């Protein structure tokens, strides 16, 4: 099942009073697992950006002035989304903005029934608990180290991990039925997407040199040489 995890940044809270989109971020997921395919664009809102919004998103009117208008990126956005359902945190907010922008340029809106709201999911799963994206990331152990400001693509990537956890976590993607299927009865561990910020090496050069010397004592075909790690 293909879905698009989606986030927007905007100039304010209400598209009916002139607020516009400033950034769009989309993450493709298949059966709740990110595929690695993303789509992202900044958008020129053709209006000022309040100082309070800049404090949250880091985006200014000056930065956005040379970015494409929504009409110029709409086709790429719609092509990436296709006919998939759209997952958003507080979906009515994002739906209101994206459908307003689509209406402005004469494009069909994304129907209400195609939207999945992770706030609603979280409140059903954890009644009375905080349901913000930050709170859910902390609950599920999703790292926030890449997020110093709110950004559409960063938040969409975080939400993709949260959405997986709200649907049962990574074990949901394991084939434990024992009925064979396409996996031949094996447990299938889905691949995780690459880290946004690779971990730095913790080995010293002295330790690496000692390891290389040790590997040389293992004969002609040690596994480390096959993997290219030496």
C-alpha atoms as a PDB file:
ATOM      1  CA  UNK A   1       0.000   0.000   0.000  1.00  0.00           C
ATOM      2  CA  UNK A   2       1.575   3.259  -1.157  1.00  0.00           C
ATOM      3  CA  UNK A   3       1.005   6.408   0.912  1.00  0.00           C
ATOM      4  CA  UNK A   4       2.550   9.875   1.030  1.00  0.00           C
ATOM      5  CA  UNK A   5       3.567  11.372   4.372  1.00  0.00           C
ATOM      6  CA  UNK A   6       3.152  15.093   3.915  1.00  0.00           C
ATOM      7  CA  UNK A   7       3.975  18.371   5.691  1.00  0.00           C
ATOM      8  CA  UNK A   8       3.706  22.064   4.914  1.00  0.00           C
ATOM      9  CA  UNK A   9       5.198  25.241   6.284  1.00  0.00           C
ATOM     10  CA  UNK A  10       3.098  28.385   5.885  1.00  0.00           C
ATOM     11  CA  UNK A  11       3.047  32.114   6.590  1.00  0.00           C
ATOM     12  CA  UNK A  12       0.350  31.660   9.225  1.00  0.00           C
ATOM     13  CA  UNK A  13      -2.568  29.576  10.430  1.00  0.00           C
ATOM     14  CA  UNK A  14      -5.480  30.381   8.105  1.00  0.00           C
ATOM     15  CA  UNK A  15      -5.520  30.149   4.298  1.00  0.00           C
ATOM     16  CA  UNK A  16      -8.864  31.992   4.283  1.00  0.00           C
ATOM     17  CA  UNK A  17      -7.207  35.171   5.550  1.00  0.00           C
ATOM     18  CA  UNK A  18      -4.395  35.261   3.011  1.00  0.00           C
ATOM     19  CA  UNK A  19      -1.802  32.949   4.507  1.00  0.00           C
ATOM     20  CA  UNK A  20       0.137  30.895   1.951  1.00  0.00           C
ATOM     21  CA  UNK A  21       2.399  27.853   1.740  1.00  0.00           C
ATOM     22  CA  UNK A  22       6.156  28.462   1.991  1.00  0.00           C
ATOM     23  CA  UNK A  23       7.462  24.875   1.894  1.00  0.00           C
ATOM     24  CA  UNK A  24       6.222  21.390   0.963  1.00  0.00           C
ATOM     25  CA  UNK A  25       7.762  18.057   1.931  1.00  0.00           C
ATOM     26  CA  UNK A  26       6.623  14.556   0.920  1.00  0.00           C
ATOM     27  CA  UNK A  27       7.940  11.110   1.900  1.00  0.00           C
ATOM     28  CA  UNK A  28       6.795   7.963   0.092  1.00  0.00           C
ATOM     29  CA  UNK A  29       5.967   4.943   2.264  1.00  0.00           C
ATOM     30  CA  UNK A  30       5.030   1.409   1.238  1.00  0.00           C
ATOM     31  CA  UNK A  31       3.227  -0.643   3.874  1.00  0.00           C
ATOM     32  CA  UNK A  32       4.238   2.011   6.438  1.00  0.00           C
ATOM     33  CA  UNK A  33       7.976   1.765   5.607  1.00  0.00           C
ATOM     34  CA  UNK A  34       9.746   4.754   3.954  1.00  0.00           C
ATOM     35  CA  UNK A  35      11.003   3.784   0.495  1.00  0.00           C
ATOM     36  CA  UNK A  36      13.689   6.485   0.355  1.00  0.00           C
ATOM     37  CA  UNK A  37      11.798   8.514  -2.285  1.00  0.00           C
ATOM     38  CA  UNK A  38      11.027  12.091  -1.279  1.00  0.00           C
ATOM     39  CA  UNK A  39       9.786  15.290  -2.892  1.00  0.00           C
ATOM     40  CA  UNK A  40      10.504  18.778  -1.564  1.00  0.00           C
ATOM     41  CA  UNK A  41      10.173  22.391  -2.619  1.00  0.00           C
ATOM     42  CA  UNK A  42      10.223  25.867  -1.147  1.00  0.00           C
ATOM     43  CA  UNK A  43       7.443  28.123  -2.417  1.00  0.00           C
ATOM     44  CA  UNK A  44       7.322  31.881  -2.952  1.00  0.00           C
ATOM     45  CA  UNK A  45       4.199  32.939  -0.991  1.00  0.00           C
ATOM     46  CA  UNK A  46       4.042  36.329  -2.728  1.00  0.00           C
ATOM     47  CA  UNK A  47       3.549  38.044   0.604  1.00  0.00           C
ATOM     48  CA  UNK A  48       5.415  38.915   3.786  1.00  0.00           C
ATOM     49  CA  UNK A  49       6.479  36.317   6.350  1.00  0.00           C
ATOM     50  CA  UNK A  50       5.741  37.310   9.963  1.00  0.00           C
ATOM     51  CA  UNK A  51       8.731  37.463  12.294  1.00  0.00           C
ATOM     52  CA  UNK A  52       7.191  34.852  14.611  1.00  0.00           C
ATOM     53  CA  UNK A  53       6.903  32.433  11.691  1.00  0.00           C
ATOM     54  CA  UNK A  54      10.555  33.034  10.745  1.00  0.00           C
ATOM     55  CA  UNK A  55      11.558  32.195  14.327  1.00  0.00           C
ATOM     56  CA  UNK A  56       9.804  28.823  13.971  1.00  0.00           C
ATOM     57  CA  UNK A  57      10.750  27.874  10.412  1.00  0.00           C
ATOM     58  CA  UNK A  58      13.847  29.942   9.670  1.00  0.00           C
ATOM     59  CA  UNK A  59      12.230  31.086   6.401  1.00  0.00           C
ATOM     60  CA  UNK A  60      12.147  34.743   5.409  1.00  0.00           C
ATOM     61  CA  UNK A  61      10.439  36.616   2.583  1.00  0.00           C
ATOM     62  CA  UNK A  62      13.886  37.464   1.209  1.00  0.00           C
ATOM     63  CA  UNK A  63      14.932  33.795   1.091  1.00  0.00           C
ATOM     64  CA  UNK A  64      11.662  32.796  -0.584  1.00  0.00           C
ATOM     65  CA  UNK A  65      11.591  35.673  -3.106  1.00  0.00           C
ATOM     66  CA  UNK A  66      13.383  33.723  -5.864  1.00  0.00           C
ATOM     67  CA  UNK A  67      11.687  30.394  -5.171  1.00  0.00           C
ATOM     68  CA  UNK A  68       9.036  29.018  -7.558  1.00  0.00           C
ATOM     69  CA  UNK A  69       5.370  29.913  -7.246  1.00  0.00           C
ATOM     70  CA  UNK A  70       2.996  27.136  -6.240  1.00  0.00           C
ATOM     71  CA  UNK A  71       1.622  27.049  -9.800  1.00  0.00           C
ATOM     72  CA  UNK A  72       5.129  26.188 -11.046  1.00  0.00           C
ATOM     73  CA  UNK A  73       5.634  23.210  -8.751  1.00  0.00           C
ATOM     74  CA  UNK A  74       2.050  21.893  -8.599  1.00  0.00           C
ATOM     75  CA  UNK A  75       2.481  19.340 -11.414  1.00  0.00           C
ATOM     76  CA  UNK A  76       5.575  17.842  -9.810  1.00  0.00           C
ATOM     77  CA  UNK A  77       3.822  17.654  -6.462  1.00  0.00           C
ATOM     78  CA  UNK A  78       0.679  16.029  -7.896  1.00  0.00           C
ATOM     79  CA  UNK A  79       2.717  13.568  -9.958  1.00  0.00           C
ATOM     80  CA  UNK A  80       4.650  12.460  -6.864  1.00  0.00           C
ATOM     81  CA  UNK A  81       1.475  12.051  -4.790  1.00  0.00           C
ATOM     82  CA  UNK A  82      -0.435  10.279  -7.550  1.00  0.00           C
ATOM     83  CA  UNK A  83      -3.549   8.532  -6.259  1.00  0.00           C
ATOM     84  CA  UNK A  84      -2.017   7.645  -2.876  1.00  0.00           C
ATOM     85  CA  UNK A  85      -3.557   8.531   0.449  1.00  0.00           C
ATOM     86  CA  UNK A  86      -1.898  11.465   2.201  1.00  0.00           C
ATOM     87  CA  UNK A  87      -0.706  11.208   5.818  1.00  0.00           C
ATOM     88  CA  UNK A  88      -0.361  14.433   7.808  1.00  0.00           C
ATOM     89  CA  UNK A  89      -0.092  15.504  11.442  1.00  0.00           C
ATOM     90  CA  UNK A  90      -3.199  17.605  12.105  1.00  0.00           C
ATOM     91  CA  UNK A  91      -4.403  16.876   8.583  1.00  0.00           C
ATOM     92  CA  UNK A  92      -7.148  19.556   8.434  1.00  0.00           C
ATOM     93  CA  UNK A  93      -4.438  22.231   8.625  1.00  0.00           C
ATOM     94  CA  UNK A  94      -2.362  20.855   5.741  1.00  0.00           C
ATOM     95  CA  UNK A  95      -5.450  19.911   3.739  1.00  0.00           C
ATOM     96  CA  UNK A  96      -6.839  23.426   4.026  1.00  0.00           C
ATOM     97  CA  UNK A  97      -3.652  24.989   2.671  1.00  0.00           C
ATOM     98  CA  UNK A  98      -2.877  22.543  -0.127  1.00  0.00           C
ATOM     99  CA  UNK A  99      -6.463  22.464  -1.381  1.00  0.00           C
ATOM    100  CA  UNK A 100      -6.641  26.265  -1.290  1.00  0.00           C
ATOM    101  CA  UNK A 101      -3.507  26.467  -3.437  1.00  0.00           C
ATOM    102  CA  UNK A 102      -4.846  23.826  -5.847  1.00  0.00           C
ATOM    103  CA  UNK A 103      -8.163  25.642  -6.174  1.00  0.00           C
ATOM    104  CA  UNK A 104      -6.361  28.912  -6.943  1.00  0.00           C
ATOM    105  CA  UNK A 105      -4.760  27.389 -10.043  1.00  0.00           C
ATOM    106  CA  UNK A 106      -7.786  25.367 -11.140  1.00  0.00           C
ATOM    107  CA  UNK A 107      -6.502  21.943 -10.093  1.00  0.00           C
ATOM    108  CA  UNK A 108      -8.655  19.237  -8.454  1.00  0.00           C
ATOM    109  CA  UNK A 109      -8.337  19.187  -4.679  1.00  0.00           C
ATOM    110  CA  UNK A 110      -7.244  16.138  -2.685  1.00  0.00           C
ATOM    111  CA  UNK A 111     -10.483  14.581  -1.420  1.00  0.00           C
ATOM    112  CA  UNK A 112     -11.099  14.433   2.334  1.00  0.00           C
ATOM    113  CA  UNK A 113     -11.313  10.638   2.355  1.00  0.00           C
ATOM    114  CA  UNK A 114      -7.723  10.377   1.111  1.00  0.00           C
ATOM    115  CA  UNK A 115      -6.283  12.089   4.201  1.00  0.00           C
ATOM    116  CA  UNK A 116      -4.962  10.184   7.232  1.00  0.00           C
ATOM    117  CA  UNK A 117      -4.553  12.265  10.407  1.00  0.00           C
ATOM    118  CA  UNK A 118      -1.836  11.031  12.767  1.00  0.00           C
ATOM    119  CA  UNK A 119      -3.074  13.343  15.541  1.00  0.00           C
ATOM    120  CA  UNK A 120      -6.382  11.451  15.553  1.00  0.00           C
ATOM    121  CA  UNK A 121      -4.482   8.144  15.516  1.00  0.00           C
ATOM    122  CA  UNK A 122      -2.269   9.204  18.439  1.00  0.00           C
ATOM    123  CA  UNK A 123      -5.183  10.413  20.576  1.00  0.00           C
ATOM    124  CA  UNK A 124      -6.997   7.128  20.074  1.00  0.00           C
ATOM    125  CA  UNK A 125      -3.881   5.117  20.918  1.00  0.00           C
ATOM    126  CA  UNK A 126      -2.768   7.271  23.879  1.00  0.00           C
ATOM    127  CA  UNK A 127      -5.852   9.028  25.349  1.00  0.00           C
ATOM    128  CA  UNK A 128      -4.986  12.100  27.378  1.00  0.00           C
ATOM    129  CA  UNK A 129      -1.318  12.152  26.328  1.00  0.00           C
ATOM    130  CA  UNK A 130       0.372  14.919  24.347  1.00  0.00           C
ATOM    131  CA  UNK A 131      -0.057  14.300  20.623  1.00  0.00           C
ATOM    132  CA  UNK A 132       2.392  16.804  19.149  1.00  0.00           C
ATOM    133  CA  UNK A 133       4.963  15.485  16.681  1.00  0.00           C
ATOM    134  CA  UNK A 134       7.754  16.243  19.166  1.00  0.00           C
ATOM    135  CA  UNK A 135       5.958  14.340  21.935  1.00  0.00           C
ATOM    136  CA  UNK A 136       5.381  11.320  19.703  1.00  0.00           C
ATOM    137  CA  UNK A 137       8.995  11.296  18.536  1.00  0.00           C
ATOM    138  CA  UNK A 138      10.109  11.213  22.170  1.00  0.00           C
ATOM    139  CA  UNK A 139       7.583   8.475  23.012  1.00  0.00           C
ATOM    140  CA  UNK A 140       8.785   6.265  20.156  1.00  0.00           C
ATOM    141  CA  UNK A 141      12.491   7.084  20.430  1.00  0.00           C
ATOM    142  CA  UNK A 142      12.634   8.858  17.053  1.00  0.00           C
ATOM    143  CA  UNK A 143      15.721  11.094  17.034  1.00  0.00           C
ATOM    144  CA  UNK A 144      15.170  14.852  16.793  1.00  0.00           C
ATOM    145  CA  UNK A 145      18.870  15.657  16.330  1.00  0.00           C
ATOM    146  CA  UNK A 146      18.375  16.918  12.758  1.00  0.00           C
ATOM    147  CA  UNK A 147      15.611  19.340  13.728  1.00  0.00           C
ATOM    148  CA  UNK A 148      16.609  22.762  15.025  1.00  0.00           C
ATOM    149  CA  UNK A 149      13.754  24.485  13.127  1.00  0.00           C
ATOM    150  CA  UNK A 150      10.436  23.293  11.780  1.00  0.00           C
ATOM    151  CA  UNK A 151      10.934  22.244   8.151  1.00  0.00           C
ATOM    152  CA  UNK A 152       8.501  20.460   5.849  1.00  0.00           C
ATOM    153  CA  UNK A 153      10.794  17.695   4.600  1.00  0.00           C
ATOM    154  CA  UNK A 154      12.438  17.120   7.995  1.00  0.00           C
ATOM    155  CA  UNK A 155       9.054  16.936   9.726  1.00  0.00           C
ATOM    156  CA  UNK A 156       7.698  14.627   7.012  1.00  0.00           C
ATOM    157  CA  UNK A 157      10.640  12.259   7.539  1.00  0.00           C
ATOM    158  CA  UNK A 158      10.073  12.286  11.305  1.00  0.00           C
ATOM    159  CA  UNK A 159       6.353  11.734  10.817  1.00  0.00           C
ATOM    160  CA  UNK A 160       7.023   8.747   8.549  1.00  0.00           C
ATOM    161  CA  UNK A 161       8.823   7.033  11.450  1.00  0.00           C
ATOM    162  CA  UNK A 162       6.037   8.000  13.876  1.00  0.00           C
ATOM    163  CA  UNK A 163       3.384   6.727  11.457  1.00  0.00           C
ATOM    164  CA  UNK A 164       5.103   3.351  11.325  1.00  0.00           C
ATOM    165  CA  UNK A 165       5.104   3.163  15.130  1.00  0.00           C
ATOM    166  CA  UNK A 166       1.441   4.185  15.349  1.00  0.00           C
ATOM    167  CA  UNK A 167       0.678   1.251  13.076  1.00  0.00           C
ATOM    168  CA  UNK A 168       2.435  -1.301  15.254  1.00  0.00           C
ATOM    169  CA  UNK A 169       6.118  -0.578  14.719  1.00  0.00           C
ATOM    170  CA  UNK A 170       8.679  -2.402  12.625  1.00  0.00           C
ATOM    171  CA  UNK A 171       7.495  -5.846  13.736  1.00  0.00           C
ATOM    172  CA  UNK A 172       4.342  -5.250  11.708  1.00  0.00           C
ATOM    173  CA  UNK A 173       6.451  -5.666   8.553  1.00  0.00           C
ATOM    174  CA  UNK A 174       7.827  -9.058   9.651  1.00  0.00           C
ATOM    175  CA  UNK A 175       6.445 -12.200   8.089  1.00  0.00           C
ATOM    176  CA  UNK A 176       5.961 -14.461  11.106  1.00  0.00           C
ATOM    177  CA  UNK A 177       2.972 -16.392   9.784  1.00  0.00           C
ATOM    178  CA  UNK A 178       4.980 -19.460   8.768  1.00  0.00           C
ATOM    179  CA  UNK A 179       2.735 -19.984   5.772  1.00  0.00           C
ATOM    180  CA  UNK A 180       5.505 -19.556   3.241  1.00  0.00           C
ATOM    181  CA  UNK A 181       4.231 -16.720   1.069  1.00  0.00           C
ATOM    182  CA  UNK A 182       6.658 -14.786  -1.047  1.00  0.00           C
ATOM    183  CA  UNK A 183       9.304 -15.006   1.696  1.00  0.00           C
ATOM    184  CA  UNK A 184       9.367 -18.805   1.777  1.00  0.00           C
ATOM    185  CA  UNK A 185       8.509 -18.729   5.477  1.00  0.00           C
ATOM    186  CA  UNK A 186      11.523 -16.593   6.391  1.00  0.00           C
ATOM    187  CA  UNK A 187      11.384 -13.558   8.652  1.00  0.00           C
ATOM    188  CA  UNK A 188      11.801 -10.465   6.489  1.00  0.00           C
ATOM    189  CA  UNK A 189      13.450  -7.419   8.061  1.00  0.00           C
ATOM    190  CA  UNK A 190      12.638  -4.315   5.969  1.00  0.00           C
ATOM    191  CA  UNK A 191      15.523  -1.979   5.189  1.00  0.00           C
ATOM    192  CA  UNK A 192      15.672   1.302   7.108  1.00  0.00           C
ATOM    193  CA  UNK A 193      16.344   4.499   5.192  1.00  0.00           C
ATOM    194  CA  UNK A 194      19.837   5.972   5.432  1.00  0.00           C
ATOM    195  CA  UNK A 195      20.516   8.297   8.347  1.00  0.00           C
ATOM    196  CA  UNK A 196      20.186  11.983   7.504  1.00  0.00           C
ATOM    197  CA  UNK A 197      23.449  12.529   9.410  1.00  0.00           C
ATOM    198  CA  UNK A 198      25.872   9.554   9.324  1.00  0.00           C
ATOM    199  CA  UNK A 199      27.401   8.524  12.636  1.00  0.00           C
ATOM    200  CA  UNK A 200      31.076   9.396  13.003  1.00  0.00           C
ATOM    201  CA  UNK A 201      33.600   6.580  13.420  1.00  0.00           C
ATOM    202  CA  UNK A 202      34.619   5.801  16.997  1.00  0.00           C
ATOM    203  CA  UNK A 203      37.742   3.758  16.214  1.00  0.00           C
ATOM    204  CA  UNK A 204      41.159   5.339  16.448  1.00  0.00           C
ATOM    205  CA  UNK A 205      43.705   4.860  13.670  1.00  0.00           C
ATOM    206  CA  UNK A 206      45.755   2.695  16.066  1.00  0.00           C
ATOM    207  CA  UNK A 207      42.757   0.373  16.557  1.00  0.00           C
ATOM    208  CA  UNK A 208      42.106   0.232  12.817  1.00  0.00           C
ATOM    209  CA  UNK A 209      45.744  -0.676  12.133  1.00  0.00           C
ATOM    210  CA  UNK A 210      45.635  -3.425  14.768  1.00  0.00           C
ATOM    211  CA  UNK A 211      42.499  -4.835  13.187  1.00  0.00           C
ATOM    212  CA  UNK A 212      44.073  -4.860   9.723  1.00  0.00           C
ATOM    213  CA  UNK A 213      47.056  -6.758  11.113  1.00  0.00           C
ATOM    214  CA  UNK A 214      44.723  -9.286  12.733  1.00  0.00           C
ATOM    215  CA  UNK A 215      42.766  -9.824   9.512  1.00  0.00           C
ATOM    216  CA  UNK A 216      45.996 -10.604   7.655  1.00  0.00           C
ATOM    217  CA  UNK A 217      46.433 -13.635   9.929  1.00  0.00           C
ATOM    218  CA  UNK A 218      43.086 -15.134   8.837  1.00  0.00           C
ATOM    219  CA  UNK A 219      44.122 -16.451   5.434  1.00  0.00           C
ATOM    220  CA  UNK A 220      43.244 -15.497   1.865  1.00  0.00           C
ATOM    221  CA  UNK A 221      39.475 -14.885   2.112  1.00  0.00           C
ATOM    222  CA  UNK A 222      38.439 -13.275   5.417  1.00  0.00           C
ATOM    223  CA  UNK A 223      34.932 -11.810   5.395  1.00  0.00           C
ATOM    224  CA  UNK A 224      36.178  -8.275   6.044  1.00  0.00           C
ATOM    225  CA  UNK A 225      37.985  -8.260   2.691  1.00  0.00           C
ATOM    226  CA  UNK A 226      34.861  -9.492   0.899  1.00  0.00           C
ATOM    227  CA  UNK A 227      32.814  -6.613   2.255  1.00  0.00           C
ATOM    228  CA  UNK A 228      35.370  -4.004   1.260  1.00  0.00           C
ATOM    229  CA  UNK A 229      35.565  -2.672   4.812  1.00  0.00           C
ATOM    230  CA  UNK A 230      39.376  -2.774   4.816  1.00  0.00           C
END
